[in-house]
Amino acid sequence: MSLQIGIVGLPNVGKSTLFNALTKKGVLAANYPFATIDPSVGVVPVPDDRLYKLAEFSKTQNTIPAIVEFVDIAGLVKGASSGEGLGNKFLTNIRETDAILQIVRIFEDSNIIHVDNKIDPLFDIEVINLELIIADQETVAKRLGNLEREIRKGDKKIIAEYEAVKKVEAVLKEDKLASKAELTEDEHVIIKQLNLLTIKPILYGLNKKSGGTNLDELNDERYQKLIKFLNDNNESYVIIDAKIEDELKDMVGEEKEMFRTELGGKEDGINDLIRKAYEMLGLITYFTTGEKETRAWAIKKGWTAPLAGTAIHTDFKDKFVRAEVVFWSDLLGAGSYGAAREKGLVRTEGKEYVVKDGDVIEFKV
């Protein structure tokens, strides 16, 4: 399953630096706006200790993690919705992604230019979100215009769509994200077809700078307002230090942690960010394991066994017969697959079984 998260933010907040750290790829990360003009796409493994424990258990030859794709998108500026800067290109690129990682600068550094010449993270968020909202307002207005011409026919589907779009319009007019509209499950399906920017889930990455003047460490009023906004609106966020993570990207294990400490970093924000992004996409992981390969498979939460099998091969949905399922920790605890079966830990599940995060599955087709 290939799902993309677009990294967005104002110029010079650390988007490309973070992208480098995430993907271990080198893209231009210069100290001026629009250093990244065309989106760069990186495939990022999802950190998961369960996978490597299963690989060790099976003495496997090949270990393959689940992945998430991150897209580094050009910096947005005020007026993007009306074409300012690289606005039109930005909006087109973000529309093609499944979720948004919005990078927000929470450090002061006179050597790193801020496009508005001030450090105010909540203001930055408001600038970006307003541009996305304005773009969505235009999309919604155009769709409503078409629906109003068709609604006279009395078609129930047209009426249902019109009512759903009007709900979204009302929220957008209040300068709120479309995701804040109270929609039924059916209305969510309808609105999804509009591919609105602000209906996408957003994860906020609060980027600090080790050794710098960090608003969170000072408990600055600007930081307090930011956190209040995020908490009041039930928004997901993670604190990161993109520069440190970029410098440590080629290191592993104890060496990485030693240098992190020397550089003044306190924790691995990258792994936390990747996991939260994965969860934000509504994904869970199941595993297949054996001597040849141990692999983590990403699927949507709530998928039944036949649907989950399509992650391996599309034919599995139609050819599905049954699935042999054991929870990963039960398998490790039993000591062998045979022992797990003897203890009744391996279950035979049919087409209605909803796969759980951490299941180890052998499909019978």
Protein backbone atom coordinates (compact mmCIF):
# COMPACT_ATOMS: atom_id res chain seq x y z
CA MET A 1 0.00 0.00 0.00
CA SER A 2 1.54 3.26 -1.13
CA LEU A 3 0.36 6.32 0.80
CA GLN A 4 2.05 9.71 0.71
CA ILE A 5 2.50 12.39 3.33
CA GLY A 6 3.33 15.86 2.05
CA ILE A 7 5.82 17.90 4.07
CA VAL A 8 4.63 21.52 3.99
CA GLY A 9 5.43 24.79 5.72
CA LEU A 10 6.69 28.30 5.18
CA PRO A 11 10.15 28.72 3.61
CA ASN A 12 13.14 28.09 5.90
CA VAL A 13 11.37 26.19 8.66
CA GLY A 14 13.36 22.98 8.13
CA LYS A 15 11.26 20.98 5.65
CA SER A 16 14.08 19.84 3.39
CA THR A 17 16.45 19.26 6.31
CA LEU A 18 13.84 16.99 7.88
CA PHE A 19 13.26 15.26 4.56
CA ASN A 20 16.99 14.55 4.32
CA ALA A 21 16.95 13.05 7.81
CA LEU A 22 13.87 10.97 7.07
CA THR A 23 14.99 9.51 3.80
CA LYS A 24 18.80 9.72 3.98
CA LYS A 25 18.60 11.42 0.58
CA GLY A 26 20.33 14.70 -0.26
CA VAL A 27 18.00 17.39 -1.57
CA LEU A 28 18.88 21.06 -1.70
CA ALA A 29 18.29 22.60 1.74
CA ALA A 30 19.51 26.16 1.24
CA ASN A 31 18.87 29.21 3.37
CA TYR A 32 16.44 30.88 1.01
CA PRO A 33 12.82 30.36 -0.11
CA PHE A 34 11.94 27.73 -2.72
CA ALA A 35 15.14 25.67 -2.34
CA THR A 36 12.94 22.73 -3.22
CA ILE A 37 11.01 23.50 -6.39
CA ASP A 38 9.94 20.05 -7.55
CA PRO A 39 8.68 17.62 -4.91
CA SER A 40 11.11 14.94 -3.87
CA VAL A 41 9.65 11.62 -2.80
CA GLY A 42 11.32 9.41 -0.22
CA VAL A 43 10.38 5.93 0.92
CA VAL A 44 10.75 5.73 4.70
CA PRO A 45 10.73 2.50 6.75
CA VAL A 46 8.38 2.41 9.73
CA PRO A 47 10.30 1.68 12.97
CA ASP A 48 8.91 -1.53 14.48
CA ASP A 49 10.85 -3.69 16.96
CA ARG A 50 8.30 -6.51 16.52
CA LEU A 51 9.49 -7.08 12.95
CA TYR A 52 13.11 -7.66 13.95
CA LYS A 53 12.17 -9.89 16.87
CA LEU A 54 10.16 -12.04 14.48
CA ALA A 55 13.03 -12.06 12.00
CA GLU A 56 15.41 -13.27 14.71
CA PHE A 57 12.84 -15.86 15.81
CA SER A 58 12.56 -17.24 12.25
CA LYS A 59 16.29 -16.87 11.49
CA THR A 60 15.10 -15.17 8.36
CA GLN A 61 17.28 -14.32 5.35
CA ASN A 62 15.48 -11.09 4.44
CA THR A 63 13.65 -8.53 6.59
CA ILE A 64 11.34 -5.97 4.98
CA PRO A 65 9.64 -3.20 7.00
CA ALA A 66 6.39 -1.40 6.24
CA ILE A 67 6.95 1.94 4.55
CA VAL A 68 5.51 5.43 4.28
CA GLU A 69 6.26 7.84 1.44
CA PHE A 70 7.14 11.42 2.31
CA VAL A 71 7.00 14.20 -0.29
CA ASP A 72 9.10 17.34 0.19
CA ILE A 73 7.05 20.21 -1.24
CA ALA A 74 8.16 23.77 -2.03
CA GLY A 75 7.69 26.36 0.73
CA LEU A 76 4.38 28.16 0.76
CA VAL A 77 3.97 31.91 1.23
CA LYS A 78 1.00 34.13 2.03
CA GLY A 79 -1.10 34.53 -1.10
CA ALA A 80 -0.34 31.04 -2.45
CA SER A 81 -4.04 30.39 -3.07
CA SER A 82 -4.02 33.27 -5.55
CA GLY A 83 -0.78 32.18 -7.18
CA GLU A 84 1.84 34.01 -5.08
CA GLY A 85 5.30 32.42 -4.97
CA LEU A 86 4.95 28.81 -6.09
CA GLY A 87 1.42 28.68 -4.74
CA ASN A 88 -0.36 26.93 -7.59
CA LYS A 89 2.37 24.29 -7.81
CA PHE A 90 2.31 23.85 -4.04
CA LEU A 91 -1.44 23.34 -3.93
CA THR A 92 -1.36 20.86 -6.82
CA ASN A 93 1.39 18.82 -5.17
CA ILE A 94 -0.27 18.71 -1.75
CA ARG A 95 -3.61 17.75 -3.32
CA GLU A 96 -1.99 14.55 -4.58
CA THR A 97 -0.95 13.41 -1.08
CA ASP A 98 -2.98 11.48 1.51
CA ALA A 99 -1.98 13.50 4.57
CA ILE A 100 -0.02 16.59 5.58
CA LEU A 101 3.03 16.98 7.81
CA GLN A 102 3.16 20.69 8.58
CA ILE A 103 6.59 21.81 9.82
CA VAL A 104 6.52 24.77 12.20
CA ARG A 105 9.62 26.60 13.41
CA ILE A 106 9.84 27.05 17.19
CA PHE A 107 13.39 28.43 17.43
CA GLU A 108 14.96 31.85 16.98
CA ASP A 109 18.14 32.24 14.92
CA SER A 110 19.08 35.53 13.27
CA ASN A 111 21.24 33.62 10.75
CA ILE A 112 18.24 31.76 9.33
CA ILE A 113 15.83 34.02 7.47
CA HIS A 114 12.11 33.87 8.28
CA VAL A 115 9.89 34.87 5.39
CA ASP A 116 7.84 37.20 7.67
CA ASN A 117 10.85 38.39 9.68
CA LYS A 118 9.39 37.14 12.96
CA ILE A 119 9.13 33.88 14.87
CA ASP A 120 5.52 33.17 15.74
CA PRO A 121 4.59 29.50 15.19
CA LEU A 122 0.85 29.93 15.63
CA PHE A 123 0.83 32.76 13.09
CA ASP A 124 2.75 30.50 10.68
CA ILE A 125 0.12 27.77 11.05
CA GLU A 126 -2.67 30.27 10.49
CA VAL A 127 -1.00 31.55 7.29
CA ILE A 128 -0.66 28.05 5.81
CA ASN A 129 -4.07 26.80 6.90
CA LEU A 130 -5.80 29.93 5.61
CA GLU A 131 -4.23 29.44 2.17
CA LEU A 132 -5.47 25.85 2.14
CA ILE A 133 -8.92 26.96 3.31
CA ILE A 134 -9.18 29.64 0.60
CA ALA A 135 -8.26 27.08 -2.06
CA ASP A 136 -10.93 24.73 -0.70
CA GLN A 137 -13.51 27.51 -0.64
CA GLU A 138 -12.98 27.92 -4.38
CA THR A 139 -13.34 24.17 -4.97
CA VAL A 140 -16.52 24.02 -2.89
CA ALA A 141 -18.05 27.11 -4.55
CA LYS A 142 -17.48 25.63 -7.99
CA ARG A 143 -19.06 22.32 -6.99
CA LEU A 144 -22.06 23.99 -5.38
CA GLY A 145 -22.62 26.00 -8.55
CA ASN A 146 -22.85 22.78 -10.56
CA LEU A 147 -25.07 21.08 -7.97
CA GLU A 148 -27.51 24.01 -7.82
CA ARG A 149 -28.14 23.59 -11.54
CA GLU A 150 -28.82 19.87 -11.13
CA ILE A 151 -30.71 19.82 -7.83
CA ARG A 152 -33.98 20.88 -9.47
CA LYS A 153 -34.22 17.39 -10.98
CA GLY A 154 -34.89 16.00 -7.50
CA ASP A 155 -32.18 13.31 -7.69
CA LYS A 156 -31.61 12.01 -4.13
CA LYS A 157 -27.88 11.56 -4.68
CA ILE A 158 -27.53 15.15 -5.87
CA ILE A 159 -29.54 16.43 -2.90
CA ALA A 160 -27.39 14.40 -0.46
CA GLU A 161 -24.18 15.72 -1.99
CA TYR A 162 -25.48 19.28 -1.96
CA GLU A 163 -26.31 19.06 1.75
CA ALA A 164 -22.89 17.57 2.56
CA VAL A 165 -21.03 20.22 0.57
CA LYS A 166 -23.08 22.99 2.23
CA LYS A 167 -21.95 21.69 5.64
CA VAL A 168 -18.33 21.93 4.54
CA GLU A 169 -18.90 25.37 3.03
CA ALA A 170 -20.24 26.66 6.36
CA VAL A 171 -17.12 25.47 8.20
CA LEU A 172 -14.75 26.91 5.59
CA LYS A 173 -16.52 30.28 5.77
CA GLU A 174 -15.56 30.37 9.46
CA ASP A 175 -11.92 29.93 8.35
CA LYS A 176 -11.87 26.42 9.80
CA LEU A 177 -10.51 23.28 8.19
CA ALA A 178 -13.00 21.11 6.28
CA SER A 179 -12.03 18.23 8.59
CA LYS A 180 -13.85 20.06 11.39
CA ALA A 181 -17.22 19.69 9.65
CA GLU A 182 -19.59 17.28 11.40
CA LEU A 183 -20.32 14.78 8.65
CA THR A 184 -22.00 11.40 8.64
CA GLU A 185 -20.09 8.38 7.35
CA ASP A 186 -21.91 8.62 4.01
CA GLU A 187 -21.16 12.34 3.79
CA HIS A 188 -17.46 11.68 4.39
CA VAL A 189 -17.50 9.39 1.35
CA ILE A 190 -19.20 12.10 -0.71
CA ILE A 191 -16.80 14.87 0.37
CA LYS A 192 -13.74 12.70 -0.20
CA GLN A 193 -14.48 12.87 -3.94
CA LEU A 194 -13.81 16.64 -3.88
CA ASN A 195 -10.19 15.95 -2.81
CA LEU A 196 -10.16 18.98 -0.52
CA LEU A 197 -6.85 20.06 0.98
CA THR A 198 -8.17 20.68 4.50
CA ILE A 199 -10.04 17.38 4.76
CA LYS A 200 -6.67 15.61 4.88
CA PRO A 201 -5.29 14.65 8.31
CA ILE A 202 -2.55 16.98 9.56
CA LEU A 203 0.41 16.21 11.81
CA TYR A 204 2.28 19.26 13.09
CA GLY A 205 6.07 18.92 13.40
CA LEU A 206 7.44 21.48 15.85
CA ASN A 207 11.03 22.02 14.76
CA LYS A 208 13.53 23.22 17.36
CA LYS A 209 17.30 23.78 17.12
CA SER A 210 19.74 22.28 19.60
CA GLY A 211 21.83 24.99 21.24
CA GLY A 212 19.50 27.65 19.88
CA THR A 213 16.80 29.79 21.45
CA ASN A 214 13.92 27.33 21.58
CA LEU A 215 10.48 28.59 22.52
CA ASP A 216 9.50 25.31 24.22
CA GLU A 217 12.52 25.35 26.53
CA LEU A 218 11.83 28.96 27.49
CA ASN A 219 8.11 28.19 27.89
CA ASP A 220 7.68 31.33 25.82
CA GLU A 221 4.19 32.85 25.53
CA ARG A 222 4.26 32.12 21.79
CA TYR A 223 4.85 28.44 22.52
CA GLN A 224 2.09 28.39 25.15
CA LYS A 225 -0.38 29.82 22.61
CA LEU A 226 0.73 27.22 20.05
CA ILE A 227 0.23 24.27 22.39
CA LYS A 228 -3.14 25.61 23.55
CA PHE A 229 -4.28 25.83 19.93
CA LEU A 230 -3.12 22.27 19.19
CA ASN A 231 -4.71 20.82 22.34
CA ASP A 232 -7.96 22.79 22.04
CA ASN A 233 -8.37 21.56 18.45
CA ASN A 234 -7.28 17.99 19.24
CA GLU A 235 -4.43 18.23 16.74
CA SER A 236 -1.56 15.73 16.58
CA TYR A 237 1.97 17.06 16.94
CA VAL A 238 5.53 15.93 17.57
CA ILE A 239 8.62 17.91 18.63
CA ILE A 240 11.70 17.34 16.47
CA ASP A 241 15.16 18.75 15.86
CA ALA A 242 15.52 18.36 12.10
CA LYS A 243 19.14 19.56 12.00
CA ILE A 244 20.38 17.05 14.58
CA GLU A 245 18.40 14.23 12.94
CA ASP A 246 19.93 15.15 9.57
CA GLU A 247 23.45 15.06 11.03
CA LEU A 248 22.78 11.67 12.64
CA LYS A 249 21.01 10.09 9.68
CA ASP A 250 23.87 7.77 8.71
CA MET A 251 24.57 6.56 12.25
CA VAL A 252 22.98 3.67 14.14
CA GLY A 253 22.82 2.19 17.62
CA GLU A 254 25.05 3.38 20.47
CA GLU A 255 27.16 5.60 18.21
CA LYS A 256 24.05 7.50 17.15
CA GLU A 257 22.87 8.02 20.72
CA MET A 258 26.35 9.11 21.86
CA PHE A 259 26.57 11.78 19.15
CA ARG A 260 22.96 12.83 19.81
CA THR A 261 23.94 13.56 23.41
CA GLU A 262 27.07 15.44 22.34
CA LEU A 263 25.02 17.58 19.96
CA GLY A 264 22.53 18.35 22.71
CA GLY A 265 19.65 16.25 21.41
CA LYS A 266 17.44 14.50 23.94
CA GLU A 267 15.38 11.99 22.00
CA ASP A 268 14.77 10.43 18.59
CA GLY A 269 11.95 12.60 17.29
CA ILE A 270 12.20 11.06 13.82
CA ASN A 271 10.95 7.63 14.88
CA ASP A 272 8.12 9.23 16.86
CA LEU A 273 7.22 11.32 13.82
CA ILE A 274 7.17 8.33 11.44
CA ARG A 275 5.01 6.26 13.81
CA LYS A 276 2.54 9.12 14.33
CA ALA A 277 2.37 9.73 10.58
CA TYR A 278 1.68 6.01 10.03
CA GLU A 279 -1.11 6.04 12.61
CA MET A 280 -2.51 9.27 11.17
CA LEU A 281 -3.02 7.49 7.86
CA GLY A 282 -5.17 4.94 9.69
CA LEU A 283 -2.68 2.13 9.11
CA ILE A 284 -1.91 -0.97 11.13
CA THR A 285 0.69 -3.71 10.57
CA TYR A 286 0.47 -7.46 10.21
CA PHE A 287 3.40 -9.78 9.61
CA THR A 288 4.43 -12.78 7.59
CA THR A 289 7.51 -14.66 8.75
CA GLY A 290 9.65 -17.61 7.71
CA GLU A 291 13.21 -18.59 6.90
CA LYS A 292 13.26 -16.79 3.55
CA GLU A 293 11.55 -13.56 4.59
CA THR A 294 9.99 -11.70 7.49
CA ARG A 295 7.86 -8.78 6.37
CA ALA A 296 5.62 -6.07 7.81
CA TRP A 297 2.53 -5.29 5.74
CA ALA A 298 0.69 -1.98 6.02
CA ILE A 299 -3.10 -2.11 5.73
CA LYS A 300 -6.02 0.11 6.68
CA LYS A 301 -7.43 -0.45 10.16
CA GLY A 302 -10.66 -2.46 9.95
CA TRP A 303 -9.73 -4.52 6.89
CA THR A 304 -10.90 -8.11 6.81
CA ALA A 305 -8.49 -10.97 6.09
CA PRO A 306 -9.24 -11.17 2.32
CA LEU A 307 -8.64 -7.42 1.94
CA ALA A 308 -5.48 -7.62 4.04
CA GLY A 309 -4.21 -10.33 1.71
CA THR A 310 -4.31 -7.89 -1.21
CA ALA A 311 -1.28 -6.16 0.32
CA ILE A 312 0.65 -9.28 -0.69
CA HIS A 313 -1.15 -9.95 -3.97
CA THR A 314 -4.39 -8.63 -5.44
CA ASP A 315 -5.54 -12.20 -6.22
CA PHE A 316 -5.70 -13.05 -2.51
CA LYS A 317 -9.05 -11.31 -2.09
CA ASP A 318 -10.88 -13.50 -4.61
CA LYS A 319 -8.91 -16.69 -3.97
CA PHE A 320 -8.98 -16.43 -0.17
CA VAL A 321 -9.92 -19.67 1.60
CA ARG A 322 -8.82 -19.10 5.20
CA ALA A 323 -6.05 -17.55 7.28
CA GLU A 324 -3.88 -19.08 9.99
CA VAL A 325 -3.43 -16.31 12.59
CA VAL A 326 -1.29 -15.99 15.72
CA PHE A 327 -0.44 -12.83 17.64
CA TRP A 328 3.24 -11.92 17.33
CA SER A 329 4.07 -12.01 21.07
CA ASP A 330 2.20 -15.31 21.51
CA LEU A 331 4.30 -16.82 18.74
CA LEU A 332 7.55 -15.64 20.30
CA GLY A 333 6.46 -16.79 23.73
CA ALA A 334 5.62 -20.27 22.47
CA GLY A 335 9.11 -20.75 21.10
CA SER A 336 8.06 -22.23 17.75
CA TYR A 337 5.13 -22.22 15.36
CA GLY A 338 4.44 -25.88 16.18
CA ALA A 339 4.36 -25.17 19.91
CA ALA A 340 2.05 -22.21 19.36
CA ARG A 341 -0.31 -24.49 17.43
CA GLU A 342 -0.24 -27.14 20.17
CA LYS A 343 -1.14 -24.49 22.76
CA GLY A 344 -4.11 -23.36 20.68
CA LEU A 345 -2.56 -19.96 19.96
CA VAL A 346 -2.83 -20.40 16.19
CA ARG A 347 -6.38 -19.76 15.02
CA THR A 348 -8.11 -20.51 11.74
CA GLU A 349 -10.02 -17.42 10.60
CA GLY A 350 -12.43 -16.92 7.71
CA LYS A 351 -13.48 -14.11 5.39
CA GLU A 352 -15.13 -12.01 8.10
CA TYR A 353 -12.09 -11.84 10.36
CA VAL A 354 -10.88 -8.27 10.99
CA VAL A 355 -7.08 -8.24 11.07
CA LYS A 356 -5.48 -6.81 14.21
CA ASP A 357 -2.27 -4.86 14.54
CA GLY A 358 0.47 -7.37 15.37
CA ASP A 359 -1.13 -10.44 13.80
CA VAL A 360 1.19 -12.95 12.14
CA ILE A 361 -0.75 -14.45 9.23
CA GLU A 362 -0.37 -17.32 6.82
CA PHE A 363 -2.92 -17.05 4.02
CA LYS A 364 -4.45 -20.15 2.46
CA VAL A 365 -5.56 -19.52 -1.12
